[in-house]
Amino acid sequence: METTFGEFVKTRRIAKRITLRAFSEALGIDPSNYSRMERGLLQPPATSEKLKPFGRLLGIEPNSEDYREMVRLAALGRGEIPPAILSDEKVLAKLPVLFRTLEGERVNEEVLDDLFEVMKRE
């Protein structure tokens, strides 16, 4: 499983036998800038409108699991919380607990378990 937007797109681009140059030109992006995006040196597109052509060229359906993963990885690549998380009020309300835990602050295990249960259900 790919862990970055660049890895995700590159894997699928290569599987479709599309060269980096052809892919970047179809997107209207300079090949050297696109290469930097694949390598994680340049941030992924910031809007869903700019992500749609990536999905279209890669044959990824807009409401598919792969499309949601692409959007999630793009947000993470920009240092943002993915849109699916931001749109879920229950999960969003529990994020401070998760962040405190990740930063090393001691958190009540029951509260943390509750967060994971909410995330699993959604």
PDB file of N, CA and C in Angstrom:
ATOM      1  N   MET A   1       0.838  -1.175   0.000  1.00  0.00           N
ATOM      2  CA  MET A   1       0.000   0.000   0.000  1.00  0.00           C
ATOM      3  C   MET A   1       0.891   1.248   0.000  1.00  0.00           C
ATOM      4  N   GLU A   2       0.578   2.180  -0.868  1.00  0.00           N
ATOM      5  CA  GLU A   2       1.356   3.401  -0.971  1.00  0.00           C
ATOM      6  C   GLU A   2       1.064   4.303   0.222  1.00  0.00           C
ATOM      7  N   THR A   3       2.080   5.011   0.667  1.00  0.00           N
ATOM      8  CA  THR A   3       1.910   5.865   1.840  1.00  0.00           C
ATOM      9  C   THR A   3       1.935   7.347   1.505  1.00  0.00           C
ATOM     10  N   THR A   4       2.239   7.691   0.249  1.00  0.00           N
ATOM     11  CA  THR A   4       2.222   9.093  -0.145  1.00  0.00           C
ATOM     12  C   THR A   4       1.417   9.263  -1.429  1.00  0.00           C
ATOM     13  N   PHE A   5       1.001  10.488  -1.666  1.00  0.00           N
ATOM     14  CA  PHE A   5       0.270  10.807  -2.895  1.00  0.00           C
ATOM     15  C   PHE A   5       1.120  10.466  -4.112  1.00  0.00           C
ATOM     16  N   GLY A   6       2.392  10.858  -4.084  1.00  0.00           N
ATOM     17  CA  GLY A   6       3.278  10.591  -5.213  1.00  0.00           C
ATOM     18  C   GLY A   6       3.422   9.110  -5.518  1.00  0.00           C
ATOM     19  N   GLU A   7       3.596   8.298  -4.467  1.00  0.00           N
ATOM     20  CA  GLU A   7       3.713   6.845  -4.660  1.00  0.00           C
ATOM     21  C   GLU A   7       2.418   6.291  -5.248  1.00  0.00           C
ATOM     22  N   PHE A   8       1.295   6.754  -4.724  1.00  0.00           N
ATOM     23  CA  PHE A   8      -0.012   6.289  -5.181  1.00  0.00           C
ATOM     24  C   PHE A   8      -0.174   6.542  -6.681  1.00  0.00           C
ATOM     25  N   VAL A   9       0.079   7.784  -7.092  1.00  0.00           N
ATOM     26  CA  VAL A   9      -0.109   8.147  -8.492  1.00  0.00           C
ATOM     27  C   VAL A   9       0.922   7.446  -9.377  1.00  0.00           C
ATOM     28  N   LYS A  10       2.164   7.426  -8.944  1.00  0.00           N
ATOM     29  CA  LYS A  10       3.223   6.809  -9.754  1.00  0.00           C
ATOM     30  C   LYS A  10       2.939   5.329 -10.003  1.00  0.00           C
ATOM     31  N   THR A  11       2.531   4.617  -8.975  1.00  0.00           N
ATOM     32  CA  THR A  11       2.224   3.192  -9.116  1.00  0.00           C
ATOM     33  C   THR A  11       1.144   2.970 -10.174  1.00  0.00           C
ATOM     34  N   ARG A  12       0.096   3.757 -10.118  1.00  0.00           N
ATOM     35  CA  ARG A  12      -1.002   3.600 -11.068  1.00  0.00           C
ATOM     36  C   ARG A  12      -0.639   4.103 -12.463  1.00  0.00           C
ATOM     37  N   ARG A  13       0.158   5.163 -12.532  1.00  0.00           N
ATOM     38  CA  ARG A  13       0.598   5.694 -13.823  1.00  0.00           C
ATOM     39  C   ARG A  13       1.441   4.646 -14.545  1.00  0.00           C
ATOM     40  N   ILE A  14       2.367   4.033 -13.827  1.00  0.00           N
ATOM     41  CA  ILE A  14       3.232   3.009 -14.425  1.00  0.00           C
ATOM     42  C   ILE A  14       2.408   1.781 -14.830  1.00  0.00           C
ATOM     43  N   ALA A  15       1.456   1.392 -13.995  1.00  0.00           N
ATOM     44  CA  ALA A  15       0.598   0.246 -14.320  1.00  0.00           C
ATOM     45  C   ALA A  15      -0.190   0.491 -15.600  1.00  0.00           C
ATOM     46  N   LYS A  16      -0.529   1.754 -15.855  1.00  0.00           N
ATOM     47  CA  LYS A  16      -1.265   2.099 -17.080  1.00  0.00           C
ATOM     48  C   LYS A  16      -0.315   2.355 -18.249  1.00  0.00           C
ATOM     49  N   ARG A  17       0.986   2.227 -17.978  1.00  0.00           N
ATOM     50  CA  ARG A  17       2.025   2.420 -18.998  1.00  0.00           C
ATOM     51  C   ARG A  17       2.007   3.832 -19.574  1.00  0.00           C
ATOM     52  N   ILE A  18       1.830   4.804 -18.695  1.00  0.00           N
ATOM     53  CA  ILE A  18       1.862   6.206 -19.097  1.00  0.00           C
ATOM     54  C   ILE A  18       3.196   6.779 -18.626  1.00  0.00           C
ATOM     55  N   THR A  19       3.934   7.368 -19.524  1.00  0.00           N
ATOM     56  CA  THR A  19       5.214   7.954 -19.128  1.00  0.00           C
ATOM     57  C   THR A  19       4.974   9.189 -18.266  1.00  0.00           C
ATOM     58  N   LEU A  20       5.981   9.536 -17.496  1.00  0.00           N
ATOM     59  CA  LEU A  20       5.895  10.723 -16.656  1.00  0.00           C
ATOM     60  C   LEU A  20       5.633  11.951 -17.525  1.00  0.00           C
ATOM     61  N   ARG A  21       6.341  12.066 -18.630  1.00  0.00           N
ATOM     62  CA  ARG A  21       6.180  13.220 -19.511  1.00  0.00           C
ATOM     63  C   ARG A  21       4.763  13.284 -20.096  1.00  0.00           C
ATOM     64  N   ALA A  22       4.254  12.162 -20.587  1.00  0.00           N
ATOM     65  CA  ALA A  22       2.909  12.144 -21.171  1.00  0.00           C
ATOM     66  C   ALA A  22       1.857  12.464 -20.121  1.00  0.00           C
ATOM     67  N   PHE A  23       2.023  11.926 -18.922  1.00  0.00           N
ATOM     68  CA  PHE A  23       1.067  12.159 -17.847  1.00  0.00           C
ATOM     69  C   PHE A  23       1.074  13.631 -17.451  1.00  0.00           C
ATOM     70  N   SER A  24       2.259  14.180 -17.246  1.00  0.00           N
ATOM     71  CA  SER A  24       2.341  15.574 -16.819  1.00  0.00           C
ATOM     72  C   SER A  24       1.804  16.509 -17.897  1.00  0.00           C
ATOM     73  N   GLU A  25       2.080  16.208 -19.158  1.00  0.00           N
ATOM     74  CA  GLU A  25       1.568  17.049 -20.238  1.00  0.00           C
ATOM     75  C   GLU A  25       0.051  16.978 -20.320  1.00  0.00           C
ATOM     76  N   ALA A  26      -0.520  15.787 -20.103  1.00  0.00           N
ATOM     77  CA  ALA A  26      -1.987  15.646 -20.117  1.00  0.00           C
ATOM     78  C   ALA A  26      -2.619  16.442 -18.977  1.00  0.00           C
ATOM     79  N   LEU A  27      -1.880  16.599 -17.883  1.00  0.00           N
ATOM     80  CA  LEU A  27      -2.369  17.382 -16.745  1.00  0.00           C
ATOM     81  C   LEU A  27      -2.092  18.876 -16.912  1.00  0.00           C
ATOM     82  N   GLY A  28      -1.234  19.222 -17.862  1.00  0.00           N
ATOM     83  CA  GLY A  28      -0.849  20.618 -18.045  1.00  0.00           C
ATOM     84  C   GLY A  28       0.151  21.076 -16.988  1.00  0.00           C
ATOM     85  N   ILE A  29       0.967  20.133 -16.506  1.00  0.00           N
ATOM     86  CA  ILE A  29       1.973  20.427 -15.490  1.00  0.00           C
ATOM     87  C   ILE A  29       3.354  20.210 -16.098  1.00  0.00           C
ATOM     88  N   ASP A  30       4.281  21.101 -15.800  1.00  0.00           N
ATOM     89  CA  ASP A  30       5.662  20.948 -16.248  1.00  0.00           C
ATOM     90  C   ASP A  30       6.194  19.598 -15.753  1.00  0.00           C
ATOM     91  N   PRO A  31       6.807  18.799 -16.632  1.00  0.00           N
ATOM     92  CA  PRO A  31       7.290  17.479 -16.223  1.00  0.00           C
ATOM     93  C   PRO A  31       8.233  17.496 -15.019  1.00  0.00           C
ATOM     94  N   SER A  32       9.108  18.499 -14.934  1.00  0.00           N
ATOM     95  CA  SER A  32      10.028  18.526 -13.792  1.00  0.00           C
ATOM     96  C   SER A  32       9.275  18.822 -12.496  1.00  0.00           C
ATOM     97  N   ASN A  33       8.255  19.679 -12.559  1.00  0.00           N
ATOM     98  CA  ASN A  33       7.436  19.930 -11.361  1.00  0.00           C
ATOM     99  C   ASN A  33       6.619  18.696 -11.000  1.00  0.00           C
ATOM    100  N   TYR A  34       6.098  18.020 -12.019  1.00  0.00           N
ATOM    101  CA  TYR A  34       5.327  16.811 -11.742  1.00  0.00           C
ATOM    102  C   TYR A  34       6.221  15.744 -11.102  1.00  0.00           C
ATOM    103  N   SER A  35       7.437  15.614 -11.601  1.00  0.00           N
ATOM    104  CA  SER A  35       8.379  14.649 -11.028  1.00  0.00           C
ATOM    105  C   SER A  35       8.625  14.963  -9.553  1.00  0.00           C
ATOM    106  N   ARG A  36       8.763  16.235  -9.240  1.00  0.00           N
ATOM    107  CA  ARG A  36       8.958  16.625  -7.839  1.00  0.00           C
ATOM    108  C   ARG A  36       7.738  16.257  -6.998  1.00  0.00           C
ATOM    109  N   MET A  37       6.547  16.352  -7.578  1.00  0.00           N
ATOM    110  CA  MET A  37       5.324  15.974  -6.855  1.00  0.00           C
ATOM    111  C   MET A  37       5.334  14.472  -6.572  1.00  0.00           C
ATOM    112  N   GLU A  38       5.695  13.682  -7.548  1.00  0.00           N
ATOM    113  CA  GLU A  38       5.754  12.229  -7.346  1.00  0.00           C
ATOM    114  C   GLU A  38       6.774  11.850  -6.276  1.00  0.00           C
ATOM    115  N   ARG A  39       7.849  12.617  -6.196  1.00  0.00           N
ATOM    116  CA  ARG A  39       8.905  12.325  -5.219  1.00  0.00           C
ATOM    117  C   ARG A  39       8.641  12.964  -3.863  1.00  0.00           C
ATOM    118  N   GLY A  40       7.524  13.681  -3.731  1.00  0.00           N
ATOM    119  CA  GLY A  40       7.169  14.289  -2.456  1.00  0.00           C
ATOM    120  C   GLY A  40       7.883  15.591  -2.168  1.00  0.00           C
ATOM    121  N   LEU A  41       8.507  16.187  -3.180  1.00  0.00           N
ATOM    122  CA  LEU A  41       9.216  17.447  -3.001  1.00  0.00           C
ATOM    123  C   LEU A  41       8.325  18.651  -3.297  1.00  0.00           C
ATOM    124  N   LEU A  42       7.190  18.403  -3.904  1.00  0.00           N
ATOM    125  CA  LEU A  42       6.212  19.435  -4.221  1.00  0.00           C
ATOM    126  C   LEU A  42       4.858  18.932  -3.735  1.00  0.00           C
ATOM    127  N   GLN A  43       4.093  19.802  -3.118  1.00  0.00           N
ATOM    128  CA  GLN A  43       2.810  19.381  -2.548  1.00  0.00           C
ATOM    129  C   GLN A  43       1.820  18.929  -3.618  1.00  0.00           C
ATOM    130  N   PRO A  44       0.950  17.986  -3.263  1.00  0.00           N
ATOM    131  CA  PRO A  44      -0.118  17.549  -4.175  1.00  0.00           C
ATOM    132  C   PRO A  44      -1.112  18.685  -4.420  1.00  0.00           C
ATOM    133  N   PRO A  45      -1.948  18.535  -5.445  1.00  0.00           N
ATOM    134  CA  PRO A  45      -2.968  19.553  -5.720  1.00  0.00           C
ATOM    135  C   PRO A  45      -3.837  19.824  -4.492  1.00  0.00           C
ATOM    136  N   ALA A  46      -4.278  21.078  -4.367  1.00  0.00           N
ATOM    137  CA  ALA A  46      -4.990  21.494  -3.160  1.00  0.00           C
ATOM    138  C   ALA A  46      -6.511  21.426  -3.265  1.00  0.00           C
ATOM    139  N   THR A  47      -7.043  21.248  -4.451  1.00  0.00           N
ATOM    140  CA  THR A  47      -8.498  21.231  -4.580  1.00  0.00           C
ATOM    141  C   THR A  47      -8.972  19.962  -5.272  1.00  0.00           C
ATOM    142  N   SER A  48     -10.231  19.637  -5.037  1.00  0.00           N
ATOM    143  CA  SER A  48     -10.783  18.451  -5.695  1.00  0.00           C
ATOM    144  C   SER A  48     -10.847  18.660  -7.207  1.00  0.00           C
ATOM    145  N   GLU A  49     -11.045  19.896  -7.638  1.00  0.00           N
ATOM    146  CA  GLU A  49     -11.079  20.174  -9.084  1.00  0.00           C
ATOM    147  C   GLU A  49      -9.735  19.868  -9.735  1.00  0.00           C
ATOM    148  N   LYS A  50      -8.653  20.112  -9.014  1.00  0.00           N
ATOM    149  CA  LYS A  50      -7.324  19.830  -9.562  1.00  0.00           C
ATOM    150  C   LYS A  50      -6.960  18.356  -9.435  1.00  0.00           C
ATOM    151  N   LEU A  51      -7.620  17.634  -8.527  1.00  0.00           N
ATOM    152  CA  LEU A  51      -7.364  16.200  -8.375  1.00  0.00           C
ATOM    153  C   LEU A  51      -8.143  15.364  -9.389  1.00  0.00           C
ATOM    154  N   LYS A  52      -9.281  15.857  -9.833  1.00  0.00           N
ATOM    155  CA  LYS A  52     -10.119  15.088 -10.760  1.00  0.00           C
ATOM    156  C   LYS A  52      -9.374  14.622 -12.009  1.00  0.00           C
ATOM    157  N   PRO A  53      -8.564  15.494 -12.658  1.00  0.00           N
ATOM    158  CA  PRO A  53      -7.846  15.012 -13.846  1.00  0.00           C
ATOM    159  C   PRO A  53      -6.881  13.864 -13.546  1.00  0.00           C
ATOM    160  N   PHE A  54      -6.288  13.853 -12.352  1.00  0.00           N
ATOM    161  CA  PHE A  54      -5.414  12.737 -11.978  1.00  0.00           C
ATOM    162  C   PHE A  54      -6.224  11.442 -12.000  1.00  0.00           C
ATOM    163  N   GLY A  55      -7.374  11.466 -11.344  1.00  0.00           N
ATOM    164  CA  GLY A  55      -8.232  10.290 -11.300  1.00  0.00           C
ATOM    165  C   GLY A  55      -8.690   9.856 -12.677  1.00  0.00           C
ATOM    166  N   ARG A  56      -9.089  10.835 -13.500  1.00  0.00           N
ATOM    167  CA  ARG A  56      -9.571  10.533 -14.842  1.00  0.00           C
ATOM    168  C   ARG A  56      -8.482   9.854 -15.670  1.00  0.00           C
ATOM    169  N   LEU A  57      -7.268  10.422 -15.649  1.00  0.00           N
ATOM    170  CA  LEU A  57      -6.169   9.856 -16.435  1.00  0.00           C
ATOM    171  C   LEU A  57      -5.757   8.471 -15.942  1.00  0.00           C
ATOM    172  N   LEU A  58      -5.938   8.230 -14.655  1.00  0.00           N
ATOM    173  CA  LEU A  58      -5.568   6.938 -14.082  1.00  0.00           C
ATOM    174  C   LEU A  58      -6.712   5.928 -14.118  1.00  0.00           C
ATOM    175  N   GLY A  59      -7.878   6.356 -14.607  1.00  0.00           N
ATOM    176  CA  GLY A  59      -9.030   5.461 -14.686  1.00  0.00           C
ATOM    177  C   GLY A  59      -9.650   5.164 -13.338  1.00  0.00           C
ATOM    178  N   ILE A  60      -9.554   6.129 -12.419  1.00  0.00           N
ATOM    179  CA  ILE A  60     -10.109   5.950 -11.077  1.00  0.00           C
ATOM    180  C   ILE A  60     -11.472   6.626 -11.014  1.00  0.00           C
ATOM    181  N   GLU A  61     -12.493   5.863 -10.692  1.00  0.00           N
ATOM    182  CA  GLU A  61     -13.852   6.395 -10.596  1.00  0.00           C
ATOM    183  C   GLU A  61     -13.964   7.356  -9.408  1.00  0.00           C
ATOM    184  N   PRO A  62     -14.667   8.482  -9.585  1.00  0.00           N
ATOM    185  CA  PRO A  62     -14.757   9.512  -8.543  1.00  0.00           C
ATOM    186  C   PRO A  62     -15.247   9.058  -7.172  1.00  0.00           C
ATOM    187  N   ASN A  63     -16.128   8.115  -7.081  1.00  0.00           N
ATOM    188  CA  ASN A  63     -16.641   7.699  -5.767  1.00  0.00           C
ATOM    189  C   ASN A  63     -16.053   6.375  -5.285  1.00  0.00           C
ATOM    190  N   SER A  64     -14.952   5.965  -5.897  1.00  0.00           N
ATOM    191  CA  SER A  64     -14.351   4.679  -5.555  1.00  0.00           C
ATOM    192  C   SER A  64     -13.442   4.797  -4.331  1.00  0.00           C
ATOM    193  N   GLU A  65     -13.089   3.640  -3.795  1.00  0.00           N
ATOM    194  CA  GLU A  65     -12.157   3.579  -2.671  1.00  0.00           C
ATOM    195  C   GLU A  65     -10.798   4.158  -3.067  1.00  0.00           C
ATOM    196  N   ASP A  66     -10.350   3.853  -4.293  1.00  0.00           N
ATOM    197  CA  ASP A  66      -9.072   4.397  -4.773  1.00  0.00           C
ATOM    198  C   ASP A  66      -9.112   5.921  -4.853  1.00  0.00           C
ATOM    199  N   TYR A  67     -10.231   6.476  -5.289  1.00  0.00           N
ATOM    200  CA  TYR A  67     -10.337   7.937  -5.385  1.00  0.00           C
ATOM    201  C   TYR A  67     -10.283   8.560  -3.993  1.00  0.00           C
ATOM    202  N   ARG A  68     -11.007   7.963  -3.053  1.00  0.00           N
ATOM    203  CA  ARG A  68     -10.978   8.484  -1.676  1.00  0.00           C
ATOM    204  C   ARG A  68      -9.572   8.393  -1.096  1.00  0.00           C
ATOM    205  N   GLU A  69      -8.854   7.321  -1.419  1.00  0.00           N
ATOM    206  CA  GLU A  69      -7.482   7.174  -0.944  1.00  0.00           C
ATOM    207  C   GLU A  69      -6.586   8.243  -1.564  1.00  0.00           C
ATOM    208  N   MET A  70      -6.777   8.526  -2.842  1.00  0.00           N
ATOM    209  CA  MET A  70      -5.990   9.564  -3.507  1.00  0.00           C
ATOM    210  C   MET A  70      -6.226  10.926  -2.850  1.00  0.00           C
ATOM    211  N   VAL A  71      -7.484  11.245  -2.568  1.00  0.00           N
ATOM    212  CA  VAL A  71      -7.828  12.515  -1.915  1.00  0.00           C
ATOM    213  C   VAL A  71      -7.222  12.563  -0.511  1.00  0.00           C
ATOM    214  N   ARG A  72      -7.309  11.456   0.213  1.00  0.00           N
ATOM    215  CA  ARG A  72      -6.750  11.384   1.571  1.00  0.00           C
ATOM    216  C   ARG A  72      -5.238  11.602   1.553  1.00  0.00           C
ATOM    217  N   LEU A  73      -4.543  10.925   0.649  1.00  0.00           N
ATOM    218  CA  LEU A  73      -3.091  11.063   0.564  1.00  0.00           C
ATOM    219  C   LEU A  73      -2.676  12.460   0.111  1.00  0.00           C
ATOM    220  N   ALA A  74      -3.472  13.071  -0.764  1.00  0.00           N
ATOM    221  CA  ALA A  74      -3.174  14.450  -1.189  1.00  0.00           C
ATOM    222  C   ALA A  74      -3.274  15.399  -0.003  1.00  0.00           C
ATOM    223  N   ALA A  75      -4.318  15.256   0.803  1.00  0.00           N
ATOM    224  CA  ALA A  75      -4.476  16.112   1.986  1.00  0.00           C
ATOM    225  C   ALA A  75      -3.318  15.906   2.955  1.00  0.00           C
ATOM    226  N   LEU A  76      -2.980  14.663   3.220  1.00  0.00           N
ATOM    227  CA  LEU A  76      -1.872  14.375   4.130  1.00  0.00           C
ATOM    228  C   LEU A  76      -0.550  14.927   3.584  1.00  0.00           C
ATOM    229  N   GLY A  77      -0.379  14.862   2.275  1.00  0.00           N
ATOM    230  CA  GLY A  77       0.830  15.391   1.647  1.00  0.00           C
ATOM    231  C   GLY A  77       0.943  16.897   1.775  1.00  0.00           C
ATOM    232  N   ARG A  78      -0.175  17.554   1.946  1.00  0.00           N
ATOM    233  CA  ARG A  78      -0.183  19.008   2.162  1.00  0.00           C
ATOM    234  C   ARG A  78      -0.147  19.354   3.646  1.00  0.00           C
ATOM    235  N   GLY A  79      -0.103  18.315   4.500  1.00  0.00           N
ATOM    236  CA  GLY A  79      -0.092  18.548   5.940  1.00  0.00           C
ATOM    237  C   GLY A  79      -1.457  18.901   6.494  1.00  0.00           C
ATOM    238  N   GLU A  80      -2.510  18.436   5.821  1.00  0.00           N
ATOM    239  CA  GLU A  80      -3.880  18.736   6.220  1.00  0.00           C
ATOM    240  C   GLU A  80      -4.603  17.479   6.691  1.00  0.00           C
ATOM    241  N   ILE A  81      -5.658  17.689   7.444  1.00  0.00           N
ATOM    242  CA  ILE A  81      -6.521  16.582   7.853  1.00  0.00           C
ATOM    243  C   ILE A  81      -7.409  16.248   6.649  1.00  0.00           C
ATOM    244  N   PRO A  82      -7.511  14.973   6.289  1.00  0.00           N
ATOM    245  CA  PRO A  82      -8.318  14.585   5.129  1.00  0.00           C
ATOM    246  C   PRO A  82      -9.779  15.038   5.246  1.00  0.00           C
ATOM    247  N   PRO A  83     -10.389  15.395   4.119  1.00  0.00           N
ATOM    248  CA  PRO A  83     -11.769  15.892   4.114  1.00  0.00           C
ATOM    249  C   PRO A  83     -12.779  14.952   4.761  1.00  0.00           C
ATOM    250  N   ALA A  84     -12.615  13.642   4.594  1.00  0.00           N
ATOM    251  CA  ALA A  84     -13.566  12.697   5.186  1.00  0.00           C
ATOM    252  C   ALA A  84     -13.558  12.789   6.706  1.00  0.00           C
ATOM    253  N   ILE A  85     -12.409  13.075   7.287  1.00  0.00           N
ATOM    254  CA  ILE A  85     -12.314  13.228   8.739  1.00  0.00           C
ATOM    255  C   ILE A  85     -12.954  14.553   9.156  1.00  0.00           C
ATOM    256  N   LEU A  86     -12.643  15.610   8.400  1.00  0.00           N
ATOM    257  CA  LEU A  86     -13.176  16.934   8.730  1.00  0.00           C
ATOM    258  C   LEU A  86     -14.696  16.992   8.624  1.00  0.00           C
ATOM    259  N   SER A  87     -15.273  16.152   7.779  1.00  0.00           N
ATOM    260  CA  SER A  87     -16.720  16.190   7.597  1.00  0.00           C
ATOM    261  C   SER A  87     -17.481  15.347   8.621  1.00  0.00           C
ATOM    262  N   ASP A  88     -16.765  14.584   9.442  1.00  0.00           N
ATOM    263  CA  ASP A  88     -17.408  13.741  10.446  1.00  0.00           C
ATOM    264  C   ASP A  88     -17.295  14.413  11.813  1.00  0.00           C
ATOM    265  N   GLU A  89     -18.391  14.981  12.294  1.00  0.00           N
ATOM    266  CA  GLU A  89     -18.379  15.748  13.544  1.00  0.00           C
ATOM    267  C   GLU A  89     -17.963  14.912  14.754  1.00  0.00           C
ATOM    268  N   LYS A  90     -18.384  13.651  14.799  1.00  0.00           N
ATOM    269  CA  LYS A  90     -18.034  12.789  15.938  1.00  0.00           C
ATOM    270  C   LYS A  90     -16.524  12.550  16.002  1.00  0.00           C
ATOM    271  N   VAL A  91     -15.956  12.220  14.866  1.00  0.00           N
ATOM    272  CA  VAL A  91     -14.514  11.965  14.827  1.00  0.00           C
ATOM    273  C   VAL A  91     -13.759  13.265  15.067  1.00  0.00           C
ATOM    274  N   LEU A  92     -14.194  14.338  14.429  1.00  0.00           N
ATOM    275  CA  LEU A  92     -13.538  15.628  14.571  1.00  0.00           C
ATOM    276  C   LEU A  92     -13.492  16.082  16.032  1.00  0.00           C
ATOM    277  N   ALA A  93     -14.568  15.853  16.763  1.00  0.00           N
ATOM    278  CA  ALA A  93     -14.618  16.251  18.172  1.00  0.00           C
ATOM    279  C   ALA A  93     -13.622  15.481  19.020  1.00  0.00           C
ATOM    280  N   LYS A  94     -13.256  14.289  18.572  1.00  0.00           N
ATOM    281  CA  LYS A  94     -12.344  13.442  19.341  1.00  0.00           C
ATOM    282  C   LYS A  94     -10.878  13.613  18.933  1.00  0.00           C
ATOM    283  N   LEU A  95     -10.612  14.352  17.866  1.00  0.00           N
ATOM    284  CA  LEU A  95      -9.234  14.497  17.406  1.00  0.00           C
ATOM    285  C   LEU A  95      -8.280  15.116  18.432  1.00  0.00           C
ATOM    286  N   PRO A  96      -8.716  16.088  19.231  1.00  0.00           N
ATOM    287  CA  PRO A  96      -7.782  16.621  20.227  1.00  0.00           C
ATOM    288  C   PRO A  96      -7.204  15.540  21.147  1.00  0.00           C
ATOM    289  N   VAL A  97      -8.022  14.548  21.501  1.00  0.00           N
ATOM    290  CA  VAL A  97      -7.542  13.441  22.332  1.00  0.00           C
ATOM    291  C   VAL A  97      -6.451  12.676  21.588  1.00  0.00           C
ATOM    292  N   LEU A  98      -6.688  12.392  20.329  1.00  0.00           N
ATOM    293  CA  LEU A  98      -5.705  11.675  19.523  1.00  0.00           C
ATOM    294  C   LEU A  98      -4.409  12.475  19.424  1.00  0.00           C
ATOM    295  N   PHE A  99      -4.514  13.767  19.147  1.00  0.00           N
ATOM    296  CA  PHE A  99      -3.317  14.590  19.009  1.00  0.00           C
ATOM    297  C   PHE A  99      -2.532  14.668  20.317  1.00  0.00           C
ATOM    298  N   ARG A 100      -3.234  14.813  21.426  1.00  0.00           N
ATOM    299  CA  ARG A 100      -2.543  14.851  22.718  1.00  0.00           C
ATOM    300  C   ARG A 100      -1.809  13.530  22.963  1.00  0.00           C
ATOM    301  N   THR A 101      -2.450  12.435  22.609  1.00  0.00           N
ATOM    302  CA  THR A 101      -1.836  11.121  22.782  1.00  0.00           C
ATOM    303  C   THR A 101      -0.589  10.993  21.907  1.00  0.00           C
ATOM    304  N   LEU A 102      -0.707  11.401  20.666  1.00  0.00           N
ATOM    305  CA  LEU A 102       0.426  11.310  19.757  1.00  0.00           C
ATOM    306  C   LEU A 102       1.581  12.199  20.194  1.00  0.00           C
ATOM    307  N   GLU A 103       1.260  13.282  20.874  1.00  0.00           N
ATOM    308  CA  GLU A 103       2.298  14.196  21.364  1.00  0.00           C
ATOM    309  C   GLU A 103       2.880  13.742  22.696  1.00  0.00           C
ATOM    310  N   GLY A 104       2.389  12.613  23.209  1.00  0.00           N
ATOM    311  CA  GLY A 104       2.976  12.036  24.411  1.00  0.00           C
ATOM    312  C   GLY A 104       2.264  12.341  25.707  1.00  0.00           C
ATOM    313  N   GLU A 105       1.181  13.100  25.657  1.00  0.00           N
ATOM    314  CA  GLU A 105       0.440  13.386  26.887  1.00  0.00           C
ATOM    315  C   GLU A 105      -0.347  12.148  27.296  1.00  0.00           C
ATOM    316  N   ARG A 106      -0.365  11.873  28.571  1.00  0.00           N
ATOM    317  CA  ARG A 106      -1.099  10.713  29.078  1.00  0.00           C
ATOM    318  C   ARG A 106      -2.599  10.966  28.930  1.00  0.00           C
ATOM    319  N   VAL A 107      -3.299   9.984  28.349  1.00  0.00           N
ATOM    320  CA  VAL A 107      -4.731  10.111  28.103  1.00  0.00           C
ATOM    321  C   VAL A 107      -5.438   8.893  28.682  1.00  0.00           C
ATOM    322  N   ASN A 108      -6.620   9.116  29.184  1.00  0.00           N
ATOM    323  CA  ASN A 108      -7.451   8.051  29.718  1.00  0.00           C
ATOM    324  C   ASN A 108      -7.687   7.005  28.622  1.00  0.00           C
ATOM    325  N   GLU A 109      -7.360   5.754  28.905  1.00  0.00           N
ATOM    326  CA  GLU A 109      -7.508   4.664  27.924  1.00  0.00           C
ATOM    327  C   GLU A 109      -8.943   4.540  27.422  1.00  0.00           C
ATOM    328  N   GLU A 110      -9.901   4.756  28.302  1.00  0.00           N
ATOM    329  CA  GLU A 110     -11.310   4.638  27.914  1.00  0.00           C
ATOM    330  C   GLU A 110     -11.664   5.690  26.859  1.00  0.00           C
ATOM    331  N   VAL A 111     -11.154   6.892  27.007  1.00  0.00           N
ATOM    332  CA  VAL A 111     -11.415   7.961  26.038  1.00  0.00           C
ATOM    333  C   VAL A 111     -10.801   7.601  24.690  1.00  0.00           C
ATOM    334  N   LEU A 112      -9.593   7.065  24.722  1.00  0.00           N
ATOM    335  CA  LEU A 112      -8.923   6.673  23.497  1.00  0.00           C
ATOM    336  C   LEU A 112      -9.656   5.510  22.817  1.00  0.00           C
ATOM    337  N   ASP A 113     -10.100   4.530  23.592  1.00  0.00           N
ATOM    338  CA  ASP A 113     -10.878   3.419  23.037  1.00  0.00           C
ATOM    339  C   ASP A 113     -12.157   3.929  22.386  1.00  0.00           C
ATOM    340  N   ASP A 114     -12.793   4.904  23.020  1.00  0.00           N
ATOM    341  CA  ASP A 114     -14.006   5.498  22.474  1.00  0.00           C
ATOM    342  C   ASP A 114     -13.736   6.142  21.113  1.00  0.00           C
ATOM    343  N   LEU A 115     -12.609   6.837  20.999  1.00  0.00           N
ATOM    344  CA  LEU A 115     -12.236   7.459  19.728  1.00  0.00           C
ATOM    345  C   LEU A 115     -12.085   6.407  18.641  1.00  0.00           C
ATOM    346  N   PHE A 116     -11.392   5.327  18.935  1.00  0.00           N
ATOM    347  CA  PHE A 116     -11.187   4.285  17.940  1.00  0.00           C
ATOM    348  C   PHE A 116     -12.504   3.611  17.543  1.00  0.00           C
ATOM    349  N   GLU A 117     -13.404   3.443  18.481  1.00  0.00           N
ATOM    350  CA  GLU A 117     -14.709   2.860  18.160  1.00  0.00           C
ATOM    351  C   GLU A 117     -15.499   3.773  17.226  1.00  0.00           C
ATOM    352  N   VAL A 118     -15.466   5.058  17.476  1.00  0.00           N
ATOM    353  CA  VAL A 118     -16.150   6.033  16.607  1.00  0.00           C
ATOM    354  C   VAL A 118     -15.550   5.981  15.213  1.00  0.00           C
ATOM    355  N   MET A 119     -14.236   5.916  15.116  1.00  0.00           N
ATOM    356  CA  MET A 119     -13.574   5.894  13.821  1.00  0.00           C
ATOM    357  C   MET A 119     -13.872   4.603  13.046  1.00  0.00           C
ATOM    358  N   LYS A 120     -13.963   3.475  13.738  1.00  0.00           N
ATOM    359  CA  LYS A 120     -14.249   2.204  13.082  1.00  0.00           C
ATOM    360  C   LYS A 120     -15.665   2.167  12.517  1.00  0.00           C
ATOM    361  N   ARG A 121     -16.602   2.791  13.212  1.00  0.00           N
ATOM    362  CA  ARG A 121     -17.994   2.761  12.769  1.00  0.00           C
ATOM    363  C   ARG A 121     -18.230   3.619  11.547  1.00  0.00           C
ATOM    364  N   GLU A 122     -17.489   4.663  11.390  1.00  0.00           N
ATOM    365  CA  GLU A 122     -17.726   5.631  10.300  1.00  0.00           C
ATOM    366  C   GLU A 122     -17.168   5.189   8.999  1.00  0.00           C
TER     367      GLU A 122
END
